[in-house]
Amino acid sequence: QVQLVESGGGLVQPGGSLRLSCAASGTILSINFWGWYRQAPGKQRESVANITSGGFTNYADSVKERFTISSDNAKRTVYLQMNSLKPEDTAVYHCNAFDFLGHSYWGQGTQVTVSS
C-alpha cells in the first residue's frame, strides 16, 4: 500500500518561512510527477506548484518567487520551501504523486496557518 505523508506545517507569522516535506512509502513505481496543492476553508483545492522527474517546475502566480518546489528521487520525497508567507497562504497543503503508469496518490495534508 502506498502512502504519502506530509510534514512541516504549522503556525507562522506573516513574512515567515516553512518547509513542507512529503515522503512516499510502500510499493510505488517510479514517480514521474509531484505536485503540491492547497485548500483553504470554503475554497476549492488549487494547485500551488509541481515538478516533473526531469526537474521542470511550475508555480501558481500567487506563489511565484516566494515558494520553491524540489524533489529527491532517491528518497522519494518532495519539498516545498515557502518564504515571505502571507495570511492568504493559510490552507491545508496536500502533496500528490503520479507514477509512470499514471496512478495518482494523495497525502492526508498538513495545516499551514499564517497569522500574527
Protein backbone atom coordinates (compact mmCIF):
# COMPACT_ATOMS: atom_id res chain seq x y z
CA GLN A 1 0.00 0.00 0.00
CA VAL A 2 1.32 3.38 -0.99
CA GLN A 3 1.29 6.25 1.46
CA LEU A 4 2.24 9.86 1.08
CA VAL A 5 2.96 11.58 4.38
CA GLU A 6 3.31 15.34 4.61
CA SER A 7 5.10 17.16 7.40
CA GLY A 8 6.40 20.60 8.23
CA GLY A 9 3.20 22.55 8.57
CA GLY A 10 2.43 24.83 11.48
CA LEU A 11 1.75 28.35 12.64
CA VAL A 12 3.97 31.11 11.34
CA GLN A 13 3.85 34.90 11.37
CA PRO A 14 3.43 36.86 8.14
CA GLY A 15 6.75 37.15 6.39
CA GLY A 16 7.99 33.90 7.89
CA SER A 17 9.04 30.65 6.27
CA LEU A 18 8.14 27.00 6.40
CA ARG A 19 9.42 23.94 4.60
CA LEU A 20 6.96 21.18 3.82
CA SER A 21 8.03 17.63 3.06
CA CYS A 22 6.13 14.76 1.55
CA ALA A 23 7.56 11.26 1.60
CA ALA A 24 6.27 8.27 -0.31
CA SER A 25 6.35 4.82 1.27
CA GLY A 26 5.23 1.42 0.14
CA THR A 27 5.44 -0.23 -3.23
CA ILE A 28 5.39 2.62 -5.67
CA LEU A 29 6.78 2.69 -9.15
CA SER A 30 8.99 5.48 -10.36
CA ILE A 31 7.38 8.85 -9.68
CA ASN A 32 7.08 11.00 -12.77
CA PHE A 33 5.32 13.98 -11.29
CA TRP A 34 4.96 15.59 -7.90
CA GLY A 35 2.51 18.31 -7.04
CA TRP A 36 1.60 20.45 -4.05
CA TYR A 37 -1.98 21.63 -3.69
CA ARG A 38 -3.77 23.61 -1.03
CA GLN A 39 -7.32 24.08 0.14
CA ALA A 40 -8.43 26.97 2.29
CA PRO A 41 -11.72 26.88 4.23
CA GLY A 42 -14.65 27.46 1.92
CA LYS A 43 -12.47 27.38 -1.19
CA GLN A 44 -11.67 24.83 -3.86
CA ARG A 45 -8.41 22.96 -3.88
CA GLU A 46 -5.84 24.75 -6.01
CA SER A 47 -2.52 23.81 -7.49
CA VAL A 48 0.45 25.50 -5.85
CA ALA A 49 3.49 24.01 -7.56
CA ASN A 50 4.59 20.91 -9.38
CA ILE A 51 7.76 19.26 -10.59
CA THR A 52 8.46 16.54 -13.12
CA SER A 53 11.02 13.78 -12.86
CA GLY A 54 13.10 15.80 -15.29
CA GLY A 55 13.15 18.76 -12.93
CA PHE A 56 10.74 21.03 -14.75
CA THR A 57 8.74 23.16 -12.34
CA ASN A 58 5.55 25.16 -12.49
CA TYR A 59 4.05 27.58 -9.96
CA ALA A 60 0.78 29.31 -9.33
CA ASP A 61 1.11 33.04 -9.96
CA SER A 62 0.24 33.74 -6.34
CA VAL A 63 3.34 31.93 -5.05
CA LYS A 64 5.93 32.64 -7.74
CA GLU A 65 9.25 33.91 -6.37
CA ARG A 66 8.15 33.01 -2.83
CA PHE A 67 7.80 29.21 -2.98
CA THR A 68 10.24 26.65 -4.33
CA ILE A 69 9.46 23.02 -5.09
CA SER A 70 12.17 20.40 -5.20
CA SER A 71 12.38 16.64 -5.08
CA ASP A 72 14.79 13.91 -4.07
CA ASN A 73 14.02 10.89 -6.19
CA ALA A 74 16.28 8.58 -4.20
CA LYS A 75 14.37 9.44 -1.03
CA ARG A 76 11.02 9.57 -2.89
CA THR A 77 10.40 12.89 -1.23
CA VAL A 78 9.19 16.25 -2.44
CA TYR A 79 9.69 19.56 -0.65
CA LEU A 80 8.03 22.94 -0.72
CA GLN A 81 10.06 25.82 0.64
CA MET A 82 7.70 28.66 1.44
CA ASN A 83 9.11 32.11 2.12
CA SER A 84 7.51 35.50 2.68
CA LEU A 85 4.33 33.80 3.82
CA LYS A 86 1.09 35.75 3.76
CA PRO A 87 -2.19 35.22 5.63
CA GLU A 88 -3.78 34.19 2.33
CA ASP A 89 -1.38 31.23 2.19
CA THR A 90 -3.27 29.71 5.11
CA ALA A 91 -4.63 26.34 4.00
CA VAL A 92 -4.25 22.61 4.25
CA TYR A 93 -1.43 21.61 1.93
CA HIS A 94 -1.57 18.24 0.18
CA CYS A 95 1.00 16.50 -1.93
CA ASN A 96 0.21 14.40 -4.96
CA ALA A 97 2.32 11.94 -6.91
CA PHE A 98 1.88 10.21 -10.24
CA ASP A 99 3.85 7.11 -11.12
CA PHE A 100 4.85 6.35 -14.70
CA LEU A 101 1.69 4.26 -15.20
CA GLY A 102 -0.44 7.23 -14.28
CA HIS A 103 -1.51 6.07 -10.84
CA SER A 104 -2.21 9.02 -8.59
CA TYR A 105 -1.59 9.16 -4.87
CA TRP A 106 -2.53 11.80 -2.31
CA GLY A 107 -1.36 12.63 1.16
CA GLN A 108 -3.64 13.49 4.06
CA GLY A 109 -2.45 17.07 4.22
CA THR A 110 -0.66 19.36 6.62
CA GLN A 111 -2.08 22.58 8.03
CA VAL A 112 -0.29 25.85 7.37
CA THR A 113 -1.53 28.88 9.27
CA VAL A 114 -0.08 32.33 8.68
CA SER A 115 -1.17 34.73 11.38
CA SER A 116 0.20 37.30 13.77
